[in-house]
């Protein structure tokens, strides 16, 4: 069985996904208002859902990010993954080593989607903060600094953004794709990759 990223559509029934997101503390993913509508004022935006065996187990989004200049995009935002719903072989404890070898849904699917959707040769950023929602503290204090140590991320600046003090990290796509090519790839349906 393979993972599949599905573009958001109002035709999708996400009732169970929203309920699970709320139960697990993923506030930014628990309603259409938070996951989708909150991005609707951006010049460009896209939301994807991660499916495994026909069940939605995660989400991500990307959008234009003019605060960082022209041709800039915030990718891998609005992330959540219900890790207990991943196949057993992918339910490993997230360590610095699994982060460095890109063995997470964010690195296997979500960042790829954002970069491909925005278009190559653009400026890609992720933001982190110390809020308690979801796993933000972990991403801010461990994931992003670990990816910075590999050259995939570069810390750029602090920014008051969307009502929160955020750290902005540049995603060095050339380094990222080079590293991703050399590690274990998770199975995915890629027949729609050109449609990101």
N, C-alpha and C. Protein backbone atom coordinates (compact mmCIF):
# COMPACT_ATOMS: atom_id res chain seq x y z
N UNK A 1 0.84 -1.18 0.00
CA UNK A 1 0.00 0.00 0.00
C UNK A 1 0.88 1.24 0.00
N UNK A 2 0.42 2.30 -0.63
CA UNK A 2 1.22 3.51 -0.76
C UNK A 2 0.49 4.71 -0.17
N UNK A 3 1.27 5.71 0.19
CA UNK A 3 0.73 6.98 0.64
C UNK A 3 0.30 7.78 -0.59
N UNK A 4 -0.65 8.68 -0.37
CA UNK A 4 -1.06 9.56 -1.46
C UNK A 4 -1.38 10.94 -0.91
N UNK A 5 -0.88 11.96 -1.58
CA UNK A 5 -1.25 13.33 -1.25
C UNK A 5 -2.41 13.73 -2.15
N UNK A 6 -3.45 14.26 -1.54
CA UNK A 6 -4.66 14.64 -2.25
C UNK A 6 -4.86 16.15 -2.06
N UNK A 7 -5.11 16.84 -3.16
CA UNK A 7 -5.42 18.27 -3.03
C UNK A 7 -6.73 18.44 -2.29
N UNK A 8 -6.79 19.46 -1.44
CA UNK A 8 -8.03 19.76 -0.73
C UNK A 8 -9.14 20.07 -1.72
N UNK A 9 -10.33 19.61 -1.40
CA UNK A 9 -11.53 19.92 -2.17
C UNK A 9 -12.69 20.00 -1.19
N UNK A 10 -13.61 20.91 -1.43
CA UNK A 10 -14.82 20.98 -0.60
C UNK A 10 -15.64 19.70 -0.70
N UNK A 11 -15.38 18.89 -1.72
CA UNK A 11 -16.12 17.63 -1.89
C UNK A 11 -15.64 16.52 -0.96
N UNK A 12 -14.50 16.70 -0.31
CA UNK A 12 -13.98 15.68 0.60
C UNK A 12 -14.73 15.73 1.92
N UNK A 13 -15.06 14.56 2.46
CA UNK A 13 -15.67 14.50 3.79
C UNK A 13 -14.53 14.37 4.80
N UNK A 14 -14.25 15.45 5.50
CA UNK A 14 -13.14 15.48 6.45
C UNK A 14 -13.61 15.49 7.90
N UNK A 15 -14.86 15.10 8.12
CA UNK A 15 -15.43 15.10 9.47
C UNK A 15 -14.56 14.31 10.44
N UNK A 16 -14.21 13.10 10.08
CA UNK A 16 -13.40 12.24 10.96
C UNK A 16 -12.00 12.81 11.15
N UNK A 17 -11.40 13.34 10.07
CA UNK A 17 -10.08 13.94 10.16
C UNK A 17 -10.08 15.12 11.13
N UNK A 18 -11.05 16.03 10.99
CA UNK A 18 -11.12 17.20 11.87
C UNK A 18 -11.31 16.78 13.32
N UNK A 19 -12.15 15.79 13.55
CA UNK A 19 -12.41 15.32 14.91
C UNK A 19 -11.14 14.74 15.53
N UNK A 20 -10.42 13.92 14.78
CA UNK A 20 -9.18 13.33 15.28
C UNK A 20 -8.13 14.40 15.52
N UNK A 21 -8.02 15.36 14.61
CA UNK A 21 -7.05 16.46 14.77
C UNK A 21 -7.33 17.21 16.07
N UNK A 22 -8.59 17.49 16.33
CA UNK A 22 -8.94 18.19 17.56
C UNK A 22 -8.58 17.37 18.79
N UNK A 23 -8.91 16.07 18.76
CA UNK A 23 -8.60 15.19 19.89
C UNK A 23 -7.10 15.11 20.16
N UNK A 24 -6.29 15.19 19.12
CA UNK A 24 -4.84 15.08 19.26
C UNK A 24 -4.15 16.42 19.49
N UNK A 25 -4.92 17.51 19.55
CA UNK A 25 -4.36 18.82 19.84
C UNK A 25 -3.81 19.58 18.65
N UNK A 26 -4.15 19.14 17.44
CA UNK A 26 -3.74 19.84 16.22
C UNK A 26 -4.77 20.93 15.91
N UNK A 27 -4.69 22.03 16.64
CA UNK A 27 -5.67 23.12 16.56
C UNK A 27 -5.78 23.66 15.14
N UNK A 28 -4.64 23.87 14.47
CA UNK A 28 -4.65 24.45 13.12
C UNK A 28 -5.20 23.51 12.05
N UNK A 29 -5.52 22.30 12.42
CA UNK A 29 -6.01 21.30 11.47
C UNK A 29 -7.39 20.77 11.84
N UNK A 30 -8.01 21.34 12.86
CA UNK A 30 -9.22 20.75 13.43
C UNK A 30 -10.52 21.25 12.83
N UNK A 31 -10.45 22.25 11.96
CA UNK A 31 -11.65 22.75 11.28
C UNK A 31 -11.26 23.26 9.90
N UNK A 32 -12.23 23.34 9.03
CA UNK A 32 -11.99 23.93 7.70
C UNK A 32 -11.57 25.39 7.86
N UNK A 33 -12.17 26.08 8.81
CA UNK A 33 -11.84 27.49 9.03
C UNK A 33 -10.34 27.65 9.33
N UNK A 34 -9.79 26.78 10.16
CA UNK A 34 -8.38 26.87 10.55
C UNK A 34 -7.45 26.33 9.46
N UNK A 35 -7.80 25.20 8.87
CA UNK A 35 -6.92 24.55 7.90
C UNK A 35 -6.92 25.23 6.54
N UNK A 36 -8.09 25.60 6.05
CA UNK A 36 -8.22 26.09 4.68
C UNK A 36 -8.54 27.58 4.62
N UNK A 37 -9.63 27.96 5.27
CA UNK A 37 -10.11 29.34 5.16
C UNK A 37 -9.09 30.35 5.68
N UNK A 38 -8.28 29.96 6.65
CA UNK A 38 -7.29 30.89 7.20
C UNK A 38 -6.23 31.28 6.18
N UNK A 39 -6.13 30.54 5.09
CA UNK A 39 -5.15 30.84 4.05
C UNK A 39 -5.77 31.55 2.84
N UNK A 40 -7.08 31.71 2.84
CA UNK A 40 -7.79 32.18 1.64
C UNK A 40 -7.46 33.62 1.24
N UNK A 41 -6.86 34.40 2.13
CA UNK A 41 -6.48 35.77 1.76
C UNK A 41 -5.10 35.85 1.11
N UNK A 42 -4.41 34.73 1.04
CA UNK A 42 -3.09 34.71 0.40
C UNK A 42 -3.26 34.78 -1.12
N UNK A 43 -2.27 35.36 -1.81
CA UNK A 43 -2.34 35.42 -3.28
C UNK A 43 -2.44 34.02 -3.87
N UNK A 44 -1.62 33.11 -3.36
CA UNK A 44 -1.65 31.70 -3.80
C UNK A 44 -1.59 30.83 -2.57
N UNK A 45 -2.37 29.77 -2.57
CA UNK A 45 -2.28 28.80 -1.48
C UNK A 45 -2.79 27.44 -1.96
N UNK A 46 -2.34 26.40 -1.27
CA UNK A 46 -2.80 25.05 -1.55
C UNK A 46 -2.75 24.25 -0.25
N UNK A 47 -3.73 23.39 -0.09
CA UNK A 47 -3.80 22.48 1.06
C UNK A 47 -3.85 21.06 0.51
N UNK A 48 -3.10 20.17 1.15
CA UNK A 48 -3.10 18.75 0.77
C UNK A 48 -3.44 17.91 1.99
N UNK A 49 -4.02 16.75 1.70
CA UNK A 49 -4.31 15.77 2.73
C UNK A 49 -3.49 14.52 2.43
N UNK A 50 -2.93 13.92 3.46
CA UNK A 50 -2.15 12.69 3.30
C UNK A 50 -3.06 11.51 3.58
N UNK A 51 -3.12 10.61 2.62
CA UNK A 51 -3.97 9.44 2.73
C UNK A 51 -3.13 8.17 2.77
N UNK A 52 -3.57 7.22 3.58
CA UNK A 52 -2.97 5.88 3.59
C UNK A 52 -4.12 4.89 3.69
N UNK A 53 -4.16 3.96 2.76
CA UNK A 53 -5.25 2.97 2.67
C UNK A 53 -6.62 3.66 2.65
N UNK A 54 -6.68 4.78 1.94
CA UNK A 54 -7.96 5.48 1.76
C UNK A 54 -8.40 6.32 2.94
N UNK A 55 -7.60 6.40 3.99
CA UNK A 55 -7.96 7.19 5.16
C UNK A 55 -7.04 8.40 5.26
N UNK A 56 -7.63 9.56 5.54
CA UNK A 56 -6.85 10.78 5.69
C UNK A 56 -6.16 10.73 7.06
N UNK A 57 -4.82 10.80 7.04
CA UNK A 57 -4.05 10.71 8.28
C UNK A 57 -3.14 11.93 8.50
N UNK A 58 -3.24 12.93 7.64
CA UNK A 58 -2.39 14.10 7.82
C UNK A 58 -2.76 15.21 6.86
N UNK A 59 -2.12 16.35 7.06
CA UNK A 59 -2.36 17.48 6.17
C UNK A 59 -1.14 18.41 6.17
N UNK A 60 -1.10 19.23 5.14
CA UNK A 60 -0.10 20.27 5.02
C UNK A 60 -0.64 21.34 4.09
N UNK A 61 0.05 22.47 4.06
CA UNK A 61 -0.34 23.56 3.17
C UNK A 61 0.90 24.35 2.77
N UNK A 62 0.72 25.19 1.78
CA UNK A 62 1.76 26.12 1.34
C UNK A 62 1.06 27.37 0.82
N UNK A 63 1.75 28.49 0.89
CA UNK A 63 1.14 29.72 0.40
C UNK A 63 2.21 30.75 0.07
N UNK A 64 1.81 31.76 -0.68
CA UNK A 64 2.72 32.86 -0.99
C UNK A 64 3.12 33.53 0.32
N UNK A 65 4.33 34.09 0.33
CA UNK A 65 4.91 34.65 1.56
C UNK A 65 5.61 35.97 1.22
N UNK A 66 4.83 37.00 0.83
CA UNK A 66 5.42 38.26 0.37
C UNK A 66 6.26 38.95 1.44
N UNK A 67 6.04 38.62 2.70
CA UNK A 67 6.83 39.21 3.78
C UNK A 67 8.32 38.90 3.62
N UNK A 68 8.63 37.87 2.84
CA UNK A 68 10.03 37.47 2.62
C UNK A 68 10.52 37.86 1.23
N UNK A 69 9.72 38.65 0.51
CA UNK A 69 10.16 39.14 -0.79
C UNK A 69 9.44 38.46 -1.94
N UNK A 70 9.74 38.89 -3.18
CA UNK A 70 9.08 38.30 -4.34
C UNK A 70 9.45 36.83 -4.52
N UNK A 71 8.56 36.09 -5.15
CA UNK A 71 8.77 34.66 -5.42
C UNK A 71 9.09 33.87 -4.16
N UNK A 72 8.46 34.25 -3.05
CA UNK A 72 8.69 33.57 -1.78
C UNK A 72 7.44 32.82 -1.35
N UNK A 73 7.67 31.64 -0.78
CA UNK A 73 6.58 30.76 -0.36
C UNK A 73 6.86 30.15 0.99
N UNK A 74 5.84 30.11 1.81
CA UNK A 74 5.89 29.39 3.08
C UNK A 74 5.34 28.00 2.79
N UNK A 75 6.18 27.01 2.96
CA UNK A 75 5.77 25.63 2.66
C UNK A 75 5.71 24.83 3.96
N UNK A 76 5.14 23.64 3.86
CA UNK A 76 5.07 22.73 5.01
C UNK A 76 4.49 23.43 6.24
N UNK A 77 3.38 24.14 6.04
CA UNK A 77 2.67 24.73 7.18
C UNK A 77 1.36 23.96 7.35
N UNK A 78 0.69 24.23 8.43
CA UNK A 78 -0.55 23.52 8.76
C UNK A 78 -0.33 21.99 8.74
N UNK A 79 0.82 21.58 9.24
CA UNK A 79 1.19 20.16 9.23
C UNK A 79 0.59 19.42 10.40
N UNK A 80 0.08 18.25 10.11
CA UNK A 80 -0.18 17.27 11.15
C UNK A 80 -0.12 15.89 10.52
N UNK A 81 0.31 14.94 11.30
CA UNK A 81 0.30 13.53 10.90
C UNK A 81 -0.15 12.72 12.11
N UNK A 82 -1.12 11.86 11.91
CA UNK A 82 -1.55 10.95 12.96
C UNK A 82 -0.59 9.76 12.93
N UNK A 83 0.51 9.89 13.65
CA UNK A 83 1.59 8.90 13.55
C UNK A 83 1.15 7.50 13.95
N UNK A 84 0.15 7.41 14.81
CA UNK A 84 -0.34 6.08 15.21
C UNK A 84 -1.11 5.40 14.07
N UNK A 85 -1.40 6.13 13.01
CA UNK A 85 -2.10 5.56 11.86
C UNK A 85 -1.15 5.25 10.71
N UNK A 86 0.13 5.55 10.91
CA UNK A 86 1.13 5.17 9.91
C UNK A 86 1.35 3.67 9.98
N UNK A 87 1.80 3.05 8.88
CA UNK A 87 2.17 1.64 8.95
C UNK A 87 3.25 1.46 10.02
N UNK A 88 3.28 0.31 10.67
CA UNK A 88 4.21 0.05 11.79
C UNK A 88 5.65 0.42 11.44
N UNK A 89 6.09 0.11 10.22
CA UNK A 89 7.49 0.36 9.88
C UNK A 89 7.84 1.85 9.84
N UNK A 90 6.82 2.73 9.83
CA UNK A 90 7.06 4.17 9.80
C UNK A 90 6.68 4.85 11.12
N UNK A 91 6.35 4.05 12.13
CA UNK A 91 5.98 4.60 13.43
C UNK A 91 7.19 4.73 14.36
N UNK A 92 8.37 4.80 13.77
CA UNK A 92 9.59 4.90 14.57
C UNK A 92 9.58 6.17 15.42
N UNK A 93 10.30 6.11 16.51
CA UNK A 93 10.46 7.29 17.35
C UNK A 93 11.26 8.31 16.54
N UNK A 94 10.79 9.54 16.55
CA UNK A 94 11.49 10.59 15.80
C UNK A 94 12.74 10.98 16.59
N UNK A 95 13.87 10.75 15.99
CA UNK A 95 15.16 11.09 16.60
C UNK A 95 15.88 12.06 15.67
N UNK A 96 16.99 12.59 16.13
CA UNK A 96 17.78 13.46 15.25
C UNK A 96 18.23 12.68 14.01
N UNK A 97 18.49 11.38 14.18
CA UNK A 97 18.93 10.58 13.03
C UNK A 97 17.81 10.39 12.01
N UNK A 98 16.58 10.15 12.46
CA UNK A 98 15.47 10.01 11.50
C UNK A 98 15.18 11.34 10.82
N UNK A 99 15.41 12.44 11.53
CA UNK A 99 15.23 13.77 10.92
C UNK A 99 16.32 14.00 9.88
N UNK A 100 17.58 13.71 10.23
CA UNK A 100 18.70 13.91 9.30
C UNK A 100 18.56 13.06 8.04
N UNK A 101 17.93 11.89 8.18
CA UNK A 101 17.77 11.00 7.02
C UNK A 101 16.39 11.13 6.40
N UNK A 102 15.67 12.18 6.76
CA UNK A 102 14.39 12.55 6.13
C UNK A 102 13.34 11.44 6.21
N UNK A 103 13.25 10.79 7.37
CA UNK A 103 12.29 9.71 7.55
C UNK A 103 11.07 10.19 8.34
N UNK A 104 10.47 11.27 7.84
CA UNK A 104 9.23 11.80 8.41
C UNK A 104 8.29 12.16 7.27
N UNK A 105 7.02 12.25 7.56
CA UNK A 105 6.05 12.62 6.51
C UNK A 105 6.33 14.02 5.97
N UNK A 106 6.79 14.92 6.84
CA UNK A 106 7.10 16.27 6.39
C UNK A 106 8.17 16.24 5.31
N UNK A 107 9.23 15.51 5.55
CA UNK A 107 10.34 15.50 4.61
C UNK A 107 10.11 14.59 3.41
N UNK A 108 9.35 13.53 3.60
CA UNK A 108 9.08 12.62 2.48
C UNK A 108 8.01 13.18 1.54
N UNK A 109 7.02 13.90 2.08
CA UNK A 109 5.88 14.31 1.27
C UNK A 109 5.59 15.82 1.29
N UNK A 110 5.50 16.40 2.49
CA UNK A 110 4.96 17.75 2.62
C UNK A 110 5.87 18.82 2.03
N UNK A 111 7.16 18.76 2.31
CA UNK A 111 8.07 19.76 1.73
C UNK A 111 8.15 19.61 0.22
N UNK A 112 8.19 18.37 -0.26
CA UNK A 112 8.24 18.12 -1.70
C UNK A 112 7.02 18.75 -2.38
N UNK A 113 5.85 18.54 -1.80
CA UNK A 113 4.62 19.08 -2.38
C UNK A 113 4.67 20.60 -2.47
N UNK A 114 5.10 21.25 -1.38
CA UNK A 114 5.15 22.71 -1.37
C UNK A 114 6.11 23.27 -2.40
N UNK A 115 7.28 22.66 -2.51
CA UNK A 115 8.28 23.13 -3.47
C UNK A 115 7.78 22.92 -4.91
N UNK A 116 7.27 21.74 -5.19
CA UNK A 116 6.78 21.46 -6.55
C UNK A 116 5.61 22.37 -6.91
N UNK A 117 4.72 22.60 -5.97
CA UNK A 117 3.57 23.46 -6.23
C UNK A 117 4.00 24.90 -6.48
N UNK A 118 4.91 25.42 -5.67
CA UNK A 118 5.37 26.81 -5.83
C UNK A 118 6.15 26.99 -7.12
N UNK A 119 6.84 25.94 -7.55
CA UNK A 119 7.66 26.01 -8.75
C UNK A 119 9.13 26.08 -8.38
N UNK A 120 9.95 25.49 -9.20
CA UNK A 120 11.38 25.45 -8.91
C UNK A 120 12.01 26.82 -9.10
N UNK A 121 13.08 27.08 -8.39
CA UNK A 121 13.78 28.35 -8.49
C UNK A 121 13.16 29.47 -7.69
N UNK A 122 12.26 29.15 -6.77
CA UNK A 122 11.64 30.17 -5.92
C UNK A 122 12.36 30.20 -4.57
N UNK A 123 11.88 31.02 -3.67
CA UNK A 123 12.41 31.10 -2.31
C UNK A 123 11.43 30.38 -1.39
N UNK A 124 11.90 29.34 -0.71
CA UNK A 124 11.03 28.50 0.12
C UNK A 124 11.40 28.70 1.59
N UNK A 125 10.37 28.81 2.42
CA UNK A 125 10.59 29.02 3.85
C UNK A 125 9.65 28.15 4.66
N UNK A 126 10.09 27.80 5.85
CA UNK A 126 9.22 27.21 6.86
C UNK A 126 9.32 28.12 8.08
N UNK A 127 8.28 28.11 8.88
CA UNK A 127 8.31 28.88 10.11
C UNK A 127 8.07 27.95 11.29
N UNK A 128 8.68 28.29 12.41
CA UNK A 128 8.47 27.53 13.65
C UNK A 128 8.23 28.52 14.77
N UNK A 129 7.66 28.01 15.85
CA UNK A 129 7.46 28.84 17.04
C UNK A 129 7.44 27.94 18.27
N UNK A 130 7.33 28.56 19.42
CA UNK A 130 7.38 27.81 20.67
C UNK A 130 6.00 27.55 21.26
N UNK A 131 4.96 27.69 20.46
CA UNK A 131 3.61 27.45 20.94
C UNK A 131 3.40 25.97 21.28
N UNK A 132 2.41 25.72 22.11
CA UNK A 132 2.13 24.36 22.56
C UNK A 132 1.29 23.56 21.57
N UNK A 133 0.64 24.22 20.58
CA UNK A 133 -0.24 23.50 19.66
C UNK A 133 0.53 22.45 18.88
N UNK A 134 -0.12 21.31 18.68
CA UNK A 134 0.49 20.24 17.89
C UNK A 134 1.86 19.88 18.44
N UNK A 135 2.85 19.91 17.56
CA UNK A 135 4.21 19.57 17.97
C UNK A 135 5.16 20.74 17.70
N UNK A 136 4.65 21.96 17.75
CA UNK A 136 5.45 23.12 17.39
C UNK A 136 6.74 23.26 18.20
N UNK A 137 6.68 23.01 19.49
CA UNK A 137 7.90 23.16 20.31
C UNK A 137 8.98 22.20 19.85
N UNK A 138 8.58 20.98 19.55
CA UNK A 138 9.54 19.97 19.08
C UNK A 138 10.15 20.40 17.74
N UNK A 139 9.31 20.87 16.84
CA UNK A 139 9.79 21.31 15.53
C UNK A 139 10.75 22.50 15.70
N UNK A 140 10.39 23.42 16.58
CA UNK A 140 11.19 24.63 16.78
C UNK A 140 12.54 24.32 17.43
N UNK A 141 12.52 23.46 18.44
CA UNK A 141 13.74 23.25 19.22
C UNK A 141 14.62 22.10 18.73
N UNK A 142 14.04 21.14 18.00
CA UNK A 142 14.83 19.97 17.58
C UNK A 142 14.86 19.79 16.06
N UNK A 143 13.70 19.73 15.43
CA UNK A 143 13.64 19.41 14.00
C UNK A 143 14.35 20.46 13.15
N UNK A 144 13.95 21.72 13.27
CA UNK A 144 14.55 22.77 12.43
C UNK A 144 16.05 22.92 12.69
N UNK A 145 16.52 22.97 13.94
CA UNK A 145 17.97 23.05 14.15
C UNK A 145 18.72 21.83 13.62
N UNK A 146 18.11 20.66 13.70
CA UNK A 146 18.77 19.46 13.15
C UNK A 146 18.89 19.57 11.64
N UNK A 147 17.83 20.03 10.97
CA UNK A 147 17.90 20.21 9.52
C UNK A 147 18.85 21.34 9.14
N UNK A 148 19.00 22.32 10.01
CA UNK A 148 20.00 23.36 9.76
C UNK A 148 21.40 22.75 9.80
N UNK A 149 21.63 21.81 10.70
CA UNK A 149 22.95 21.19 10.81
C UNK A 149 23.30 20.37 9.57
N UNK A 150 22.29 19.96 8.80
CA UNK A 150 22.54 19.20 7.56
C UNK A 150 22.67 20.10 6.34
N UNK A 151 22.37 21.39 6.50
CA UNK A 151 22.41 22.32 5.38
C UNK A 151 21.08 22.48 4.67
N UNK A 152 20.07 21.73 5.08
CA UNK A 152 18.76 21.82 4.43
C UNK A 152 18.04 23.11 4.82
N UNK A 153 18.16 23.54 6.07
CA UNK A 153 17.55 24.78 6.53
C UNK A 153 18.65 25.79 6.87
N UNK A 154 18.32 27.06 6.70
CA UNK A 154 19.16 28.16 7.18
C UNK A 154 18.25 29.09 7.97
N UNK A 155 18.61 29.35 9.21
CA UNK A 155 17.82 30.27 10.03
C UNK A 155 18.01 31.68 9.49
N UNK A 156 16.89 32.36 9.20
CA UNK A 156 16.94 33.69 8.59
C UNK A 156 16.66 34.80 9.59
N UNK A 157 15.52 34.74 10.27
CA UNK A 157 15.17 35.82 11.19
C UNK A 157 13.95 35.47 12.02
N UNK A 158 13.67 36.33 12.98
CA UNK A 158 12.45 36.26 13.78
C UNK A 158 11.45 37.22 13.14
N UNK A 159 10.18 36.85 13.16
CA UNK A 159 9.15 37.66 12.50
C UNK A 159 7.84 37.52 13.26
N UNK A 160 7.19 38.65 13.53
CA UNK A 160 5.83 38.60 14.07
C UNK A 160 4.91 38.30 12.90
N UNK A 161 4.31 37.13 12.91
CA UNK A 161 3.54 36.68 11.76
C UNK A 161 2.33 35.88 12.22
N UNK A 162 1.17 36.24 11.71
CA UNK A 162 -0.08 35.57 12.06
C UNK A 162 -0.29 35.52 13.57
N UNK A 163 0.03 36.63 14.22
CA UNK A 163 -0.23 36.76 15.65
C UNK A 163 0.74 36.02 16.55
N UNK A 164 1.84 35.54 15.99
CA UNK A 164 2.81 34.75 16.77
C UNK A 164 4.22 35.14 16.39
N UNK A 165 5.10 35.13 17.35
CA UNK A 165 6.53 35.33 17.07
C UNK A 165 7.05 34.05 16.43
N UNK A 166 7.50 34.15 15.19
CA UNK A 166 7.92 32.97 14.42
C UNK A 166 9.40 33.09 14.05
N UNK A 167 10.05 31.94 13.97
CA UNK A 167 11.39 31.88 13.41
C UNK A 167 11.24 31.44 11.96
N UNK A 168 11.87 32.17 11.05
CA UNK A 168 11.80 31.87 9.62
C UNK A 168 13.08 31.15 9.21
N UNK A 169 12.91 30.01 8.55
CA UNK A 169 14.03 29.20 8.07
C UNK A 169 13.92 29.07 6.56
N UNK A 170 15.01 29.33 5.85
CA UNK A 170 15.05 29.10 4.40
C UNK A 170 15.24 27.60 4.17
N UNK A 171 14.48 27.06 3.23
CA UNK A 171 14.67 25.67 2.80
C UNK A 171 15.59 25.70 1.59
N UNK A 172 16.76 25.12 1.72
CA UNK A 172 17.73 25.06 0.63
C UNK A 172 17.37 23.84 -0.23
N UNK A 173 16.50 24.07 -1.21
CA UNK A 173 15.89 22.98 -1.97
C UNK A 173 16.91 22.10 -2.68
N UNK A 174 17.97 22.70 -3.21
CA UNK A 174 18.97 21.89 -3.91
C UNK A 174 19.63 20.90 -2.95
N UNK A 175 19.99 21.34 -1.77
CA UNK A 175 20.59 20.46 -0.76
C UNK A 175 19.58 19.41 -0.32
N UNK A 176 18.35 19.85 -0.07
CA UNK A 176 17.28 18.96 0.39
C UNK A 176 17.03 17.82 -0.61
N UNK A 177 16.85 18.15 -1.88
CA UNK A 177 16.56 17.12 -2.87
C UNK A 177 17.75 16.17 -3.07
N UNK A 178 18.94 16.71 -2.99
CA UNK A 178 20.14 15.87 -3.11
C UNK A 178 20.18 14.85 -1.98
N UNK A 179 19.90 15.30 -0.75
CA UNK A 179 19.89 14.39 0.40
C UNK A 179 18.71 13.41 0.31
N UNK A 180 17.56 13.90 -0.08
CA UNK A 180 16.36 13.05 -0.15
C UNK A 180 16.56 11.92 -1.15
N UNK A 181 17.26 12.20 -2.22
CA UNK A 181 17.53 11.20 -3.26
C UNK A 181 18.34 10.02 -2.71
N UNK A 182 19.18 10.29 -1.73
CA UNK A 182 20.09 9.27 -1.20
C UNK A 182 19.56 8.48 -0.01
N UNK A 183 18.33 8.73 0.41
CA UNK A 183 17.80 8.03 1.58
C UNK A 183 16.61 7.15 1.19
N UNK A 184 16.16 6.36 2.14
CA UNK A 184 15.00 5.47 1.92
C UNK A 184 13.77 6.30 1.56
N UNK A 185 13.14 5.94 0.47
CA UNK A 185 11.91 6.61 0.02
C UNK A 185 10.70 5.83 0.49
N UNK A 186 9.71 6.51 1.02
CA UNK A 186 8.47 5.87 1.42
C UNK A 186 7.60 5.66 0.18
N UNK A 187 6.83 4.58 0.12
CA UNK A 187 6.01 4.33 -1.07
C UNK A 187 4.90 5.36 -1.21
N UNK A 188 4.76 5.88 -2.41
CA UNK A 188 3.69 6.83 -2.65
C UNK A 188 3.19 6.72 -4.08
N UNK A 189 1.96 7.11 -4.23
CA UNK A 189 1.37 7.17 -5.57
C UNK A 189 1.79 8.52 -6.15
N UNK A 190 2.57 8.48 -7.21
CA UNK A 190 3.12 9.73 -7.74
C UNK A 190 2.59 10.07 -9.13
N UNK A 191 1.55 9.38 -9.56
CA UNK A 191 1.04 9.65 -10.91
C UNK A 191 0.50 11.07 -11.06
N UNK A 192 0.22 11.75 -9.95
CA UNK A 192 -0.29 13.11 -10.02
C UNK A 192 0.76 14.15 -9.61
N UNK A 193 2.03 13.76 -9.58
CA UNK A 193 3.06 14.66 -9.07
C UNK A 193 3.09 15.98 -9.85
N UNK A 194 2.80 15.94 -11.11
CA UNK A 194 2.81 17.17 -11.93
C UNK A 194 1.66 18.11 -11.54
N UNK A 195 0.72 17.65 -10.76
CA UNK A 195 -0.44 18.47 -10.41
C UNK A 195 -0.29 19.15 -9.06
N UNK A 196 0.87 19.03 -8.40
CA UNK A 196 1.01 19.66 -7.09
C UNK A 196 0.61 21.11 -7.20
